[in-house]
């Protein structure tokens, strides 16, 4: 796994996202950890074929309970790839691109409140 320059915190279900990838809309995708510069998504295994080229995620919307939703640009930085497993999910790291300052600040405050 890559080294990060900023703190991240693991999530249970506080954040989720939706976006377009490979001509398909993915909704209610769980964000398993998040930081000001990116997040890790729990993706359906069937999406692995689209993640190979480290694509941009179109129309990425980040949702958090109790706050407004943010429209972001995201680039897949890494992914687990297709693997032989009985689990129907894989992880993919997403780097945020051109994130609104208000969103960055909100994520930073969220992370700092949970990181010791």
Protein backbone atom coordinates (compact mmCIF):
# COMPACT_ATOMS: atom_id res chain seq x y z
CA UNK A 1 0.00 0.00 0.00
CA UNK A 2 1.17 3.52 -0.74
CA UNK A 3 2.49 5.87 1.92
CA UNK A 4 0.34 8.89 2.65
CA UNK A 5 1.40 12.43 3.45
CA UNK A 6 -1.76 13.20 5.43
CA UNK A 7 -3.80 11.40 8.07
CA UNK A 8 -6.77 9.24 7.19
CA UNK A 9 -9.39 7.62 9.30
CA UNK A 10 -11.30 4.37 8.84
CA UNK A 11 -15.04 4.67 8.44
CA UNK A 12 -18.02 2.52 9.20
CA UNK A 13 -20.69 4.18 7.08
CA UNK A 14 -20.30 7.94 7.47
CA UNK A 15 -19.34 8.58 3.85
CA UNK A 16 -20.47 7.08 0.57
CA UNK A 17 -20.16 8.11 -3.04
CA UNK A 18 -21.57 7.73 -6.51
CA UNK A 19 -19.88 8.18 -9.88
CA UNK A 20 -19.75 6.99 -13.47
CA UNK A 21 -17.14 4.47 -14.57
CA UNK A 22 -17.02 2.42 -17.76
CA UNK A 23 -20.36 3.82 -18.91
CA UNK A 24 -22.08 2.62 -15.75
CA UNK A 25 -23.29 4.57 -12.71
CA UNK A 26 -22.16 3.25 -9.34
CA UNK A 27 -24.33 4.44 -6.46
CA UNK A 28 -24.08 4.11 -2.70
CA UNK A 29 -20.44 2.96 -2.84
CA UNK A 30 -18.91 2.68 0.62
CA UNK A 31 -15.92 4.87 1.43
CA UNK A 32 -13.81 2.69 3.74
CA UNK A 33 -11.29 5.39 4.67
CA UNK A 34 -10.85 9.04 3.82
CA UNK A 35 -8.37 11.91 4.01
CA UNK A 36 -8.21 15.41 2.52
CA UNK A 37 -6.45 14.19 -0.64
CA UNK A 38 -8.28 10.93 -1.27
CA UNK A 39 -10.20 7.91 -0.12
CA UNK A 40 -10.44 4.16 -0.41
CA UNK A 41 -13.59 2.74 -1.97
CA UNK A 42 -15.13 -0.67 -1.53
CA UNK A 43 -16.07 -1.54 -5.11
CA UNK A 44 -18.01 -4.42 -6.63
CA UNK A 45 -15.63 -7.06 -8.01
CA UNK A 46 -17.21 -6.64 -11.46
CA UNK A 47 -15.79 -3.09 -11.63
CA UNK A 48 -12.18 -4.38 -11.60
CA UNK A 49 -11.94 -4.46 -15.39
CA UNK A 50 -12.63 -0.70 -15.53
CA UNK A 51 -10.07 0.14 -12.83
CA UNK A 52 -7.03 -1.34 -14.61
CA UNK A 53 -6.24 1.84 -16.55
CA UNK A 54 -6.46 4.02 -13.39
CA UNK A 55 -9.29 6.11 -14.83
CA UNK A 56 -10.91 9.36 -13.77
CA UNK A 57 -14.24 8.90 -12.02
CA UNK A 58 -16.87 10.96 -13.79
CA UNK A 59 -19.48 12.92 -11.84
CA UNK A 60 -18.14 11.80 -8.44
CA UNK A 61 -20.41 12.94 -5.62
CA UNK A 62 -19.24 12.55 -2.01
CA UNK A 63 -21.97 12.20 0.61
CA UNK A 64 -21.63 12.51 4.38
CA UNK A 65 -24.46 12.29 6.86
CA UNK A 66 -25.38 15.70 8.21
CA UNK A 67 -23.40 17.76 5.69
CA UNK A 68 -23.85 18.90 2.15
CA UNK A 69 -22.81 16.74 -0.77
CA UNK A 70 -19.77 17.63 -2.84
CA UNK A 71 -19.10 17.14 -6.53
CA UNK A 72 -15.47 16.07 -7.02
CA UNK A 73 -13.07 14.82 -9.61
CA UNK A 74 -11.37 11.60 -8.65
CA UNK A 75 -8.60 9.55 -10.23
CA UNK A 76 -8.09 5.89 -9.40
CA UNK A 77 -4.55 5.73 -7.99
CA UNK A 78 -4.46 1.99 -7.19
CA UNK A 79 -6.72 -1.04 -6.97
CA UNK A 80 -6.55 -4.61 -5.81
CA UNK A 81 -7.40 -5.89 -9.29
CA UNK A 82 -9.31 -9.02 -10.02
CA UNK A 83 -8.49 -11.72 -7.54
CA UNK A 84 -9.73 -15.17 -6.81
CA UNK A 85 -11.95 -14.70 -3.83
CA UNK A 86 -15.37 -15.48 -2.52
CA UNK A 87 -15.74 -11.84 -1.58
CA UNK A 88 -17.69 -9.78 -4.13
CA UNK A 89 -15.73 -6.60 -3.30
CA UNK A 90 -12.33 -5.09 -4.00
CA UNK A 91 -10.64 -1.93 -2.75
CA UNK A 92 -9.61 1.02 -4.90
CA UNK A 93 -7.70 4.13 -3.83
CA UNK A 94 -8.95 7.41 -5.28
CA UNK A 95 -7.00 10.65 -5.41
CA UNK A 96 -9.17 13.78 -5.25
CA UNK A 97 -8.51 16.33 -7.99
CA UNK A 98 -9.48 20.03 -7.75
CA UNK A 99 -11.33 19.53 -4.46
CA UNK A 100 -13.39 22.52 -3.25
CA UNK A 101 -11.68 24.17 -0.24
CA UNK A 102 -14.80 23.78 1.89
CA UNK A 103 -14.82 20.02 1.22
CA UNK A 104 -11.11 19.67 2.03
CA UNK A 105 -11.58 21.60 5.28
CA UNK A 106 -14.60 19.49 6.26
CA UNK A 107 -12.78 16.22 5.59
CA UNK A 108 -9.71 17.45 7.50
CA UNK A 109 -11.84 18.35 10.52
CA UNK A 110 -13.63 14.99 10.33
CA UNK A 111 -10.32 13.09 10.23
CA UNK A 112 -8.66 15.12 13.00
CA UNK A 113 -11.66 14.54 15.28
CA UNK A 114 -11.15 10.77 14.90
CA UNK A 115 -7.34 10.41 14.77
CA UNK A 116 -5.50 10.44 18.06
